[in-house]
Each structure stands twice: as C-alpha cells, then as structure tokens.
Protein backbone atom coordinates (compact mmCIF):
# COMPACT_ATOMS: atom_id res chain seq x y z
CA UNK A 1 -44.52 47.43 78.94
CA UNK A 2 -46.12 48.04 75.62
CA UNK A 3 -44.55 46.53 72.53
CA UNK A 4 -42.26 48.90 70.61
CA UNK A 5 -43.44 49.65 67.10
CA UNK A 6 -41.22 50.12 64.15
CA UNK A 7 -41.54 52.80 61.62
CA UNK A 8 -43.96 50.88 59.65
CA UNK A 9 -46.49 50.49 62.55
CA UNK A 10 -45.76 46.84 63.13
CA UNK A 11 -44.96 45.95 66.76
CA UNK A 12 -41.55 44.59 67.66
CA UNK A 13 -42.67 41.64 69.93
CA UNK A 14 -41.01 38.63 68.50
CA UNK A 15 -38.11 37.18 70.52
CA UNK A 16 -35.39 34.49 69.68
CA UNK A 17 -37.41 31.32 70.76
CA UNK A 18 -40.47 32.50 68.62
CA UNK A 19 -38.22 33.01 65.71
CA UNK A 20 -36.44 29.71 66.10
CA UNK A 21 -39.88 28.18 66.59
CA UNK A 22 -41.02 29.78 63.37
CA UNK A 23 -38.09 28.28 61.50
CA UNK A 24 -38.62 24.79 62.77
CA UNK A 25 -42.37 25.01 62.94
CA UNK A 26 -42.69 26.14 59.20
CA UNK A 27 -40.18 23.44 57.97
CA UNK A 28 -41.19 20.53 60.19
CA UNK A 29 -44.80 20.02 59.06
CA UNK A 30 -45.87 17.39 56.50
CA UNK A 31 -42.39 16.59 55.04
CA UNK A 32 -41.17 14.68 58.03
CA UNK A 33 -44.10 12.04 57.85
CA UNK A 34 -44.81 12.12 54.11
CA UNK A 35 -41.51 12.55 52.36
CA UNK A 36 -40.01 9.33 53.63
CA UNK A 37 -41.98 7.56 51.14
CA UNK A 38 -40.86 9.46 48.04
CA UNK A 39 -37.30 9.50 49.15
CA UNK A 40 -37.15 5.78 49.70
CA UNK A 41 -38.94 5.08 46.57
CA UNK A 42 -36.37 7.14 44.57
CA UNK A 43 -33.33 5.74 46.30
CA UNK A 44 -34.40 2.06 46.94
CA UNK A 45 -31.77 1.51 49.74
CA UNK A 46 -31.30 2.46 53.49
CA UNK A 47 -27.92 3.91 52.80
CA UNK A 48 -28.75 6.18 49.91
CA UNK A 49 -32.05 7.33 51.51
CA UNK A 50 -30.20 8.50 54.65
CA UNK A 51 -27.32 9.93 52.73
CA UNK A 52 -29.91 11.99 50.75
CA UNK A 53 -31.55 13.16 53.93
CA UNK A 54 -28.05 14.24 55.30
CA UNK A 55 -27.05 15.97 52.02
CA UNK A 56 -30.36 17.82 51.91
CA UNK A 57 -29.59 19.05 55.43
CA UNK A 58 -26.06 20.19 54.62
CA UNK A 59 -27.12 22.06 51.63
CA UNK A 60 -29.91 23.67 53.70
CA UNK A 61 -27.63 24.51 56.63
CA UNK A 62 -25.15 26.23 54.13
CA UNK A 63 -28.06 27.93 52.50
CA UNK A 64 -29.38 29.13 55.82
CA UNK A 65 -25.96 30.35 57.03
CA UNK A 66 -25.64 32.12 53.71
CA UNK A 67 -29.01 33.82 53.65
CA UNK A 68 -28.56 34.86 57.19
CA UNK A 69 -26.03 37.38 56.01
CA UNK A 70 -28.58 39.13 53.87
CA UNK A 71 -31.27 38.79 56.54
CA UNK A 72 -28.97 40.45 59.14
CA UNK A 73 -27.96 43.22 56.74
CA UNK A 74 -31.45 43.98 55.72
CA UNK A 75 -33.73 42.82 58.66
CA UNK A 76 -36.83 44.16 57.04
CA UNK A 77 -40.26 42.79 56.67
CA UNK A 78 -40.52 41.12 53.38
CA UNK A 79 -37.58 38.76 53.76
CA UNK A 80 -36.26 37.16 50.47
CA UNK A 81 -38.00 39.94 48.43
CA UNK A 82 -36.02 42.57 50.17
CA UNK A 83 -32.72 40.63 49.81
CA UNK A 84 -33.30 40.35 46.09
CA UNK A 85 -34.34 43.85 45.67
CA UNK A 86 -31.35 45.39 47.59
CA UNK A 87 -28.95 43.01 45.59
CA UNK A 88 -30.28 43.20 41.99
CA UNK A 89 -32.74 46.05 41.88
CA UNK A 90 -36.41 46.61 42.04
CA UNK A 91 -37.40 44.46 38.99
CA UNK A 92 -36.08 41.09 40.52
CA UNK A 93 -37.25 42.01 43.96
CA UNK A 94 -40.73 42.49 42.67
CA UNK A 95 -40.78 39.07 40.82
CA UNK A 96 -39.41 37.40 43.96
CA UNK A 97 -42.36 38.93 46.03
CA UNK A 98 -44.79 38.23 43.25
CA UNK A 99 -44.02 34.58 43.11
CA UNK A 100 -44.29 34.39 46.87
CA UNK A 101 -47.26 36.55 47.57
CA UNK A 102 -49.56 35.45 44.86
CA UNK A 103 -48.71 31.83 44.39
CA UNK A 104 -46.07 30.21 46.61
CA UNK A 105 -47.39 30.95 50.06
CA UNK A 106 -51.11 30.37 49.27
CA UNK A 107 -50.07 27.15 47.44
CA UNK A 108 -48.39 26.07 50.58
CA UNK A 109 -51.20 27.06 52.82
CA UNK A 110 -53.58 25.17 50.60
CA UNK A 111 -51.60 21.87 50.39
CA UNK A 112 -50.93 21.82 54.10
CA UNK A 113 -54.60 22.71 54.93
CA UNK A 114 -55.66 19.61 52.80
CA UNK A 115 -53.00 17.50 54.55
CA UNK A 116 -54.48 18.48 57.88
CA UNK A 117 -57.99 17.71 56.70
CA UNK A 118 -56.92 14.22 55.33
CA UNK A 119 -55.42 13.27 58.80
CA UNK A 120 -58.25 14.69 60.73
CA UNK A 121 -60.72 12.61 58.59
CA UNK A 122 -58.53 9.52 59.15
CA UNK A 123 -58.41 9.98 62.90
CA UNK A 124 -62.09 10.37 63.34
CA UNK A 125 -63.26 7.94 60.64
CA UNK A 126 -64.93 10.69 58.66
CA UNK A 127 -65.73 10.48 54.92
CA UNK A 128 -63.39 11.90 52.42
CA UNK A 129 -66.00 14.66 51.78
CA UNK A 130 -64.95 16.19 55.08
CA UNK A 131 -61.31 16.87 53.97
CA UNK A 132 -61.97 20.22 52.17
CA UNK A 133 -64.27 21.83 54.71
CA UNK A 134 -61.87 20.76 57.61
CA UNK A 135 -59.06 22.26 55.59
CA UNK A 136 -60.83 25.44 54.78
CA UNK A 137 -61.98 25.94 58.53
CA UNK A 138 -58.41 25.33 59.96
CA UNK A 139 -56.66 27.56 57.45
CA UNK A 140 -59.18 30.36 58.29
CA UNK A 141 -58.95 29.82 62.06
CA UNK A 142 -55.34 30.34 61.81
CA UNK A 143 -55.85 33.68 59.98
CA UNK A 144 -58.07 34.80 62.80
CA UNK A 145 -55.42 33.88 65.38
CA UNK A 146 -52.72 35.77 63.45
CA UNK A 147 -55.07 38.75 63.27
CA UNK A 148 -54.93 38.97 67.11
CA UNK A 149 -51.29 39.84 67.19
CA UNK A 150 -47.79 38.65 65.81
CA UNK A 151 -47.22 37.53 69.35
CA UNK A 152 -50.37 35.26 69.16
CA UNK A 153 -49.10 33.69 65.93
CA UNK A 154 -45.64 33.08 67.24
CA UNK A 155 -47.11 31.54 70.50
CA UNK A 156 -49.17 29.00 68.42
CA UNK A 157 -45.98 28.19 66.52
CA UNK A 158 -43.86 27.85 69.71
CA UNK A 159 -46.53 25.62 71.51
CA UNK A 160 -47.12 23.36 68.25
CA UNK A 161 -43.32 22.98 67.99
CA UNK A 162 -42.88 21.70 71.61
CA UNK A 163 -45.92 19.41 71.22
CA UNK A 164 -45.20 18.09 67.82
CA UNK A 165 -41.58 17.12 68.82
CA UNK A 166 -42.86 14.89 71.65
CA UNK A 167 -44.22 12.00 69.48
CA UNK A 168 -41.24 12.26 67.22
CA UNK A 169 -38.95 11.95 70.30
CA UNK A 170 -40.82 8.74 71.69
CA UNK A 171 -40.71 7.13 68.23
CA UNK A 172 -36.82 7.76 68.05
CA UNK A 173 -36.13 6.79 71.71
CA UNK A 174 -38.22 3.52 71.56
CA UNK A 175 -37.61 2.65 67.84
CA UNK A 176 -33.99 1.70 68.13
CA UNK A 177 -34.64 -0.50 71.13
CA UNK A 178 -37.11 -2.59 69.19
CA UNK A 179 -36.21 -5.84 67.77
CA UNK A 180 -36.17 -5.96 64.09
CA UNK A 181 -35.36 -8.29 61.22
CA UNK A 182 -34.40 -5.42 58.91
CA UNK A 183 -30.81 -5.64 57.61
CA UNK A 184 -29.80 -1.93 58.58
CA UNK A 185 -26.85 -1.40 56.44
CA UNK A 186 -25.30 2.00 55.94
CA UNK A 187 -22.38 0.86 53.78
CA UNK A 188 -21.86 0.57 50.82
CA UNK A 189 -23.86 3.63 49.58
CA UNK A 190 -25.73 2.33 46.51
CA UNK A 191 -28.93 2.80 44.70
CA UNK A 192 -31.71 0.16 44.77
CA UNK A 193 -32.34 -2.34 42.02
CA UNK A 194 -33.16 -0.94 38.55
CA UNK A 195 -32.08 2.60 39.67
CA UNK A 196 -29.16 4.54 38.37
CA UNK A 197 -27.11 5.96 41.14
CA UNK A 198 -27.05 9.74 40.20
CA UNK A 199 -30.48 9.87 39.02
CA UNK A 200 -31.71 8.21 42.17
CA UNK A 201 -29.65 10.71 44.30
CA UNK A 202 -31.13 13.64 42.31
CA UNK A 203 -34.73 12.55 42.71
CA UNK A 204 -34.33 11.78 46.40
CA UNK A 205 -32.67 15.13 47.07
CA UNK A 206 -35.63 16.77 45.35
CA UNK A 207 -38.00 15.20 47.77
CA UNK A 208 -35.89 16.33 50.71
CA UNK A 209 -35.64 19.97 49.51
CA UNK A 210 -39.56 20.06 49.76
CA UNK A 211 -39.43 18.65 53.24
CA UNK A 212 -36.62 21.18 54.20
CA UNK A 213 -38.35 24.19 52.39
CA UNK A 214 -39.28 27.19 54.61
CA UNK A 215 -36.01 27.88 56.31
CA UNK A 216 -35.74 31.42 55.02
CA UNK A 217 -39.20 32.66 55.62
CA UNK A 218 -38.63 33.79 59.17
CA UNK A 219 -36.92 36.73 57.46
CA UNK A 220 -40.32 37.86 56.58
CA UNK A 221 -41.08 38.77 60.16
CA UNK A 222 -37.53 40.53 60.74
CA UNK A 223 -39.22 43.84 61.08
CA UNK A 224 -41.27 42.60 64.04
CA UNK A 225 -38.27 40.88 65.82
CA UNK A 226 -36.95 42.55 68.96
CA UNK A 227 -33.31 42.07 68.13
CA UNK A 228 -33.18 40.74 64.46
CA UNK A 229 -29.51 41.44 63.69
CA UNK A 230 -28.55 39.02 66.59
CA UNK A 231 -31.39 36.50 66.72
CA UNK A 232 -32.34 36.03 63.05
CA UNK A 233 -29.07 34.37 61.74
CA UNK A 234 -28.94 32.37 65.03
CA UNK A 235 -32.53 31.18 64.72
CA UNK A 236 -31.92 30.15 60.98
CA UNK A 237 -28.64 28.27 61.58
CA UNK A 238 -29.69 26.60 64.79
CA UNK A 239 -33.07 25.71 63.51
CA UNK A 240 -31.96 24.08 60.36
CA UNK A 241 -29.43 21.92 62.26
CA UNK A 242 -31.87 20.65 64.63
CA UNK A 243 -34.37 19.92 61.81
CA UNK A 244 -31.62 17.92 60.03
CA UNK A 245 -31.09 15.82 63.22
CA UNK A 246 -34.82 15.18 63.65
CA UNK A 247 -35.24 14.14 59.98
CA UNK A 248 -32.30 11.79 60.08
CA UNK A 249 -33.26 10.01 63.38
CA UNK A 250 -37.09 9.72 62.35
CA UNK A 251 -36.18 8.28 59.03
CA UNK A 252 -33.61 5.98 60.38
CA UNK A 253 -36.22 4.51 62.82
CA UNK A 254 -38.73 4.14 59.86
CA UNK A 255 -36.12 2.28 57.85
CA UNK A 256 -34.95 0.26 61.07
CA UNK A 257 -38.37 -0.99 61.76
CA UNK A 258 -39.89 -1.61 58.29
CA UNK A 259 -38.22 -3.01 55.20
CA UNK A 260 -37.30 -0.56 52.45
CA UNK A 261 -39.98 -1.81 50.14
CA UNK A 262 -42.64 -1.30 52.85
CA UNK A 263 -41.42 2.42 53.25
CA UNK A 264 -41.09 3.18 49.57
CA UNK A 265 -44.32 4.90 48.44
CA UNK A 266 -46.07 4.23 51.55
CA UNK A 267 -47.63 7.50 52.93
CA UNK A 268 -48.83 5.66 56.01
CA UNK A 269 -45.47 4.57 57.09
CA UNK A 270 -45.38 6.76 60.14
CA UNK A 271 -48.59 5.21 61.37
CA UNK A 272 -47.37 1.56 60.47
CA UNK A 273 -44.27 2.16 62.52
CA UNK A 274 -46.22 3.43 65.41
CA UNK A 275 -48.55 0.40 65.50
CA UNK A 276 -45.41 -1.82 65.56
CA UNK A 277 -43.99 0.15 68.42
CA UNK A 278 -47.19 1.01 70.51
CA UNK A 279 -49.80 -1.44 69.22
CA UNK A 280 -53.31 -0.47 68.03
CA UNK A 281 -53.28 2.88 70.01
CA UNK A 282 -50.03 3.86 68.11
CA UNK A 283 -51.72 4.76 64.93
CA UNK A 284 -54.06 7.22 66.52
CA UNK A 285 -51.15 8.52 68.61
CA UNK A 286 -49.01 9.29 65.79
CA UNK A 287 -52.03 10.76 63.81
CA UNK A 288 -52.47 13.26 66.54
CA UNK A 289 -48.84 14.08 66.43
CA UNK A 290 -49.06 14.58 62.65
CA UNK A 291 -52.06 16.81 63.21
CA UNK A 292 -50.22 19.11 65.51
CA UNK A 293 -47.14 19.09 63.25
CA UNK A 294 -49.21 19.99 60.24
CA UNK A 295 -51.05 22.55 62.32
CA UNK A 296 -47.93 24.32 63.25
CA UNK A 297 -46.45 24.21 59.73
CA UNK A 298 -49.70 25.80 58.34
CA UNK A 299 -49.53 28.44 61.00
CA UNK A 300 -45.88 29.21 60.09
CA UNK A 301 -46.82 29.69 56.42
CA UNK A 302 -49.89 31.74 57.37
CA UNK A 303 -47.84 33.96 59.75
CA UNK A 304 -44.95 34.66 57.51
CA UNK A 305 -46.75 34.61 54.15
CA UNK A 306 -49.04 37.49 54.92
CA UNK A 307 -45.96 39.76 55.36
CA UNK A 308 -45.02 39.57 51.74
CA UNK A 309 -47.95 41.25 50.24
CA UNK A 310 -47.99 43.75 53.07
CA UNK A 311 -44.56 44.87 52.40
CA UNK A 312 -45.15 45.03 48.55
CA UNK A 313 -48.56 46.70 49.03
CA UNK A 314 -46.93 49.40 51.18
CA UNK A 315 -44.64 50.25 48.43
CA UNK A 316 -47.45 50.10 45.75
CA UNK A 317 -45.86 46.95 44.09
CA UNK A 318 -49.12 45.04 43.85
CA UNK A 319 -52.39 46.04 42.32
CA UNK A 320 -54.65 47.55 45.02
CA UNK A 321 -51.46 48.00 47.10
CA UNK A 322 -53.34 50.14 49.68
CA UNK A 323 -55.57 47.31 50.49
CA UNK A 324 -52.71 44.89 51.11
CA UNK A 325 -50.87 47.40 53.31
CA UNK A 326 -53.76 47.91 55.68
CA UNK A 327 -52.93 47.02 59.49
CA UNK A 328 -55.40 46.37 62.16
CA UNK A 329 -55.05 47.83 65.73
CA UNK A 330 -52.62 45.15 66.64
CA UNK A 331 -50.30 46.08 63.93
CA UNK A 332 -51.12 42.90 61.84
CA UNK A 333 -51.61 43.13 58.07
CA UNK A 334 -55.10 41.77 58.09
CA UNK A 335 -56.05 42.44 54.53
CA UNK A 336 -52.94 40.89 53.19
CA UNK A 337 -53.86 37.65 55.38
CA UNK A 338 -57.38 37.64 54.12
CA UNK A 339 -56.31 38.10 50.42
CA UNK A 340 -53.76 35.23 50.92
CA UNK A 341 -56.51 33.09 52.32
CA UNK A 342 -58.91 33.86 49.34
CA UNK A 343 -56.24 32.62 47.05
CA UNK A 344 -55.48 29.47 49.07
CA UNK A 345 -59.34 28.90 49.25
CA UNK A 346 -59.52 28.92 45.53
CA UNK A 347 -56.51 26.51 45.19
CA UNK A 348 -57.97 24.08 47.91
CA UNK A 349 -61.14 23.98 45.73
CA UNK A 350 -59.26 23.32 42.60
CA UNK A 351 -57.39 20.27 43.70
CA UNK A 352 -54.28 21.00 41.98
CA UNK A 353 -52.07 21.30 45.27
CA UNK A 354 -49.12 19.10 44.26
CA UNK A 355 -48.78 20.50 40.88
CA UNK A 356 -48.85 24.16 41.93
CA UNK A 357 -46.28 23.35 44.87
CA UNK A 358 -43.99 21.42 42.68
CA UNK A 359 -43.71 24.08 39.89
CA UNK A 360 -42.98 26.69 42.57
CA UNK A 361 -40.15 24.67 44.15
CA UNK A 362 -38.03 25.37 40.96
CA UNK A 363 -39.16 29.14 40.99
CA UNK A 364 -38.30 29.69 44.71
CA UNK A 365 -34.99 27.88 44.34
CA UNK A 366 -34.12 30.33 41.48
CA UNK A 367 -34.46 33.19 43.90
CA UNK A 368 -32.62 31.24 46.55
CA UNK A 369 -29.58 30.76 44.32
CA UNK A 370 -29.70 34.55 43.39
CA UNK A 371 -29.50 35.17 47.14
CA UNK A 372 -26.53 32.91 47.63
CA UNK A 373 -24.69 34.59 44.55
CA UNK A 374 -25.46 38.04 46.02
CA UNK A 375 -23.71 37.21 49.15
CA UNK A 376 -20.56 36.58 47.17
CA UNK A 377 -20.63 39.46 44.92
CA UNK A 378 -21.70 41.98 47.30
CA UNK A 379 -18.63 41.36 49.29
CA UNK A 380 -16.81 42.76 46.49
CA UNK A 381 -19.14 45.41 45.21
CA UNK A 382 -20.32 46.73 48.59
CA UNK A 383 -17.47 45.89 50.99
CA UNK A 384 -18.60 48.62 53.42
CA UNK A 385 -22.21 47.20 53.75
CA UNK A 386 -23.16 46.99 57.44
CA UNK A 387 -23.02 43.19 58.04
CA UNK A 388 -23.75 42.43 61.70
CA UNK A 389 -23.26 38.75 60.79
CA UNK A 390 -20.92 37.23 58.20
CA UNK A 391 -21.37 33.73 56.89
CA UNK A 392 -18.39 31.61 58.18
CA UNK A 393 -15.79 29.88 56.04
CA UNK A 394 -16.51 32.37 53.15
CA UNK A 395 -16.65 31.57 50.31
CA UNK A 396 -16.77 27.96 50.83
CA UNK A 397 -20.24 27.71 52.58
CA UNK A 398 -21.94 30.10 50.07
CA UNK A 399 -20.45 28.01 47.11
CA UNK A 400 -21.76 24.82 48.66
CA UNK A 401 -25.20 26.46 48.91
CA UNK A 402 -25.03 27.76 45.36
CA UNK A 403 -23.77 24.48 43.72
CA UNK A 404 -26.35 22.45 45.70
CA UNK A 405 -28.93 24.97 44.55
CA UNK A 406 -27.97 24.64 40.84
CA UNK A 407 -28.02 20.90 41.15
CA UNK A 408 -31.51 21.03 42.53
CA UNK A 409 -32.56 23.41 39.65
CA UNK A 410 -31.03 21.30 36.84
CA UNK A 411 -32.68 18.14 38.49
CA UNK A 412 -35.99 19.74 38.55
CA UNK A 413 -35.90 20.80 34.91
CA UNK A 414 -34.98 17.29 33.84
CA UNK A 415 -37.48 15.44 35.98
CA UNK A 416 -40.36 18.06 35.84
CA UNK A 417 -39.88 20.12 32.66
CA UNK A 418 -43.64 20.91 32.11
CA UNK A 419 -44.35 22.04 35.62
CA UNK A 420 -41.13 24.00 35.76
CA UNK A 421 -42.19 25.92 32.65
CA UNK A 422 -45.48 26.55 34.08
CA UNK A 423 -43.88 27.99 37.20
CA UNK A 424 -41.66 30.35 35.00
CA UNK A 425 -44.82 31.45 32.95
CA UNK A 426 -46.78 32.11 36.24
CA UNK A 427 -43.94 34.23 37.39
CA UNK A 428 -43.56 36.05 34.15
CA UNK A 429 -47.12 37.13 34.39
CA UNK A 430 -46.00 39.70 37.03
CA UNK A 431 -43.64 41.44 34.60
CA UNK A 432 -46.39 43.57 32.78
CA UNK A 433 -47.82 44.31 36.06
CA UNK A 434 -44.47 45.63 37.39
CA UNK A 435 -43.97 47.76 34.29
CA UNK A 436 -47.49 49.24 34.73
CA UNK A 437 -47.10 49.99 38.42
CA UNK A 438 -43.53 51.31 37.93
CA UNK A 439 -44.70 53.87 35.38
CA UNK A 440 -47.64 54.81 37.58
CA UNK A 441 -45.78 55.19 40.96
CA UNK A 442 -42.25 55.94 39.54
CA UNK A 443 -40.25 53.64 41.75
CA UNK A 444 -36.84 54.57 43.15
CA UNK A 445 -34.32 51.95 43.30
CA UNK A 446 -33.55 50.73 47.04
CA UNK A 447 -30.52 52.35 48.63
CA UNK A 448 -27.94 50.27 50.32
CA UNK A 449 -26.74 50.70 53.93
CA UNK A 450 -23.03 51.31 53.91
CA UNK A 451 -20.86 52.64 56.65
C-alpha cells in the first residue's frame, strides 16, 4: 500500500518505533560519552554527579510530558515553532523557527559531525587533518539518505539506536561485576573540594541539559507520523525515561571503575573504562560504539532539522521561502536539507562549534520555558482546545518543568553571560526579517482548534 500523504504533500510513513528511535537516537549521541567529564569536573563527587544526572532526567521527563500536550494538540510539521506560534502568535513563532532553522540545528549538525570525524580519526590512527573532511562527508551522506524518504531516515535512526545500545549494555552489565578500589559512596550528597554546592549543582546540571537536549524535536516530523496524537506523546515520555536510565547506569559504571579525579575533565573516559573491562581491544570496541551513537544522533538532527525551514518556507516566513518549501518526489524537503547542510558546512570550517552550541542552549530553553508556560495558561484561555493527550498531575509536572527551565536559564546567564548575549543578538537579527516578510505577505495569525 502506498504511503498516505498529508495535505502538505509529505507522506505519513513514520510509526511509533521510528518516533521513539528519533527521540532516543537524537538525544543519545555525544553527550552520554563526552559529558561525564564536564559533569564530574563540575561536581567533584560521585554522589553529586549522579544526583545531577538524575535531576536532569527528571526535569527533562517533566518537560517532555508537558511539551507532549502541545505536540498532540498541534501535530504539525514544524514542532516547537508551531507550538509557540499557536500559543503566543506569529512573531514569537517566527523567532523560535528562526533560531532553530538558521543556527540551532545547523550548529548541532556541525558539532556532531566534527565529533564523528574526531572519533573516526582516532579509531583508524589518521592525522587530525582528516577530522573536517570526514565530518563534512558524513554529514552530507546523511542528507542524501534522508532525501530518499522520511522512512529511510527513520530506518537509519532505528538501526543506529539498536546497535548503539549494545556496547552501552555490555559496559553496564560487566562493569558492576568488575572488582574496583573506588569508594563508590552515594551518600551524603556533597560537592567536591573547593566547590560550592549550589554552584556545582548548577554547572553540572547545565552540562546534563546539553546531553539531554533534543527530546522535543521529534515533533518536527509529526506531520509525517501515521498516528501522531497517540504515538507522539508516548514516544517523548517513554524515550526520555529510557534515556535517563541509560545515562545513570553508564555514568555509574564510569565512576565505579575510575576514580572521580580520573573521570573529571577526561574526554576519553569511555575508552579508558573499556580498556579496563575488555583489555586492549576495548578501546576500539567502545570507539566503534561511539561512532554508531554519534552517527545516529547526527541523523536525528539532520532528519528533524530540515523540517523547520520547510514549514517556515511554505508559509513565506523565511527569505527565499519558495526554495525552502521545495519537496522531491519522495515528499522530502530536499532544498531545506541542502541549505541546512550549507550553513553547517560553514560552521564546521569556522571551528566555533562549542561557542555556537553553548549560546543556543540558552536561546532554545527560552522557547522551551515559553512552551511550558503555554500549557498552563492555555488550560484557562482555551479550555475547549482539542487535547488528545493531557499532561498528568497538572499543574505539578508543568511547574517542575518551568521552574527547572528557569533555573537553567539563570545559571546560564551567570556562568556564560557573553555567549548568552550573543545568542540573544543572533536571534534578534530575525526581527527585521520578520517585519519585512510580514509586510510583504500580510500574515494571518494562526487559528486555534477548539471544539
């Protein structure tokens, strides 16, 4: 049977497992391997490090359960952009889309591609000069795969997710049976030497938020899901819960095998632990696992990211919108994917990956918090809005997500003020573009769907 197409010409071919795989595959990428170093360096103890990973998961689960209410009410291609637009109006929806389409997704593609290139060079003993070419080729290969069809992109994410969990599972299962001299104490929960507790907690939580980021982007492909109202919230909630379990177990093994001061700041901790568990072959084994994990994460951002400029271009909300809105015969926004890759290409060559990604963590969480607040006030202002899914324990869970998000924003401003302001300015550049396009196309405000 041929795939059923929606009104926009994009085919409804994505089922629950592909959506779940997109959530987990997008989130579980570089963070599970590389953020242990930053979290432990910030906290200084096993107890606080694992508490931070747990709190990050709780905040993200609450965020996912909250955001899923908007995703089910408006299961449209565009994800967060559409939720903000329906809740606050076209101006804020445009800014959310601008930040994601032009900077956020291309920056993530660039950073993850370089991470892949780095691990590839390490695995095969290549010179550092290979990192950028390998990253560029890998990123473009995933653009080509996603051009085939949405199902092909979902298939890559699904396969990568299953394969990437194998080395993680082996490490967890064998890690706790390995003898260790580490004092693995979970209580009392304290910060390490020369660290203030709340500052250590905030810095560690910021690091975990980057590792957990990507949970909402499955909403970008809602318009291509077979049953989005049922499958989308379930994929988000279950996916995040499983991710938290994986992160806790993997980091517990790292800290069980290696002393805290060996984990802190050590980007090769996964390989070091693998060598302890499996011997000399272990380093190569875990590097292959990292490559698969990073590849799957890169595909997730490639697949979901190209839907943002497509949705905006279709509504004439980007310059040269007709180009962004082009679909190929498979119903895939190939032009949006190509433009996203070109921006990522430039970012890869610039070398400013961490700075760009860090500044957008603040920007994206501003819009996340706006989405959490929208769930609360829309219950009052639009009580008849069609809600196939409602966040449980309302308003407790949305408030946890909102308070956690505000804490993240405040911590980011304190710790990274300059990059935060750069992110605000980069987003604000979209304001004159919005005003020009609004005047040219005379936008209508989005209509809500009420019974």
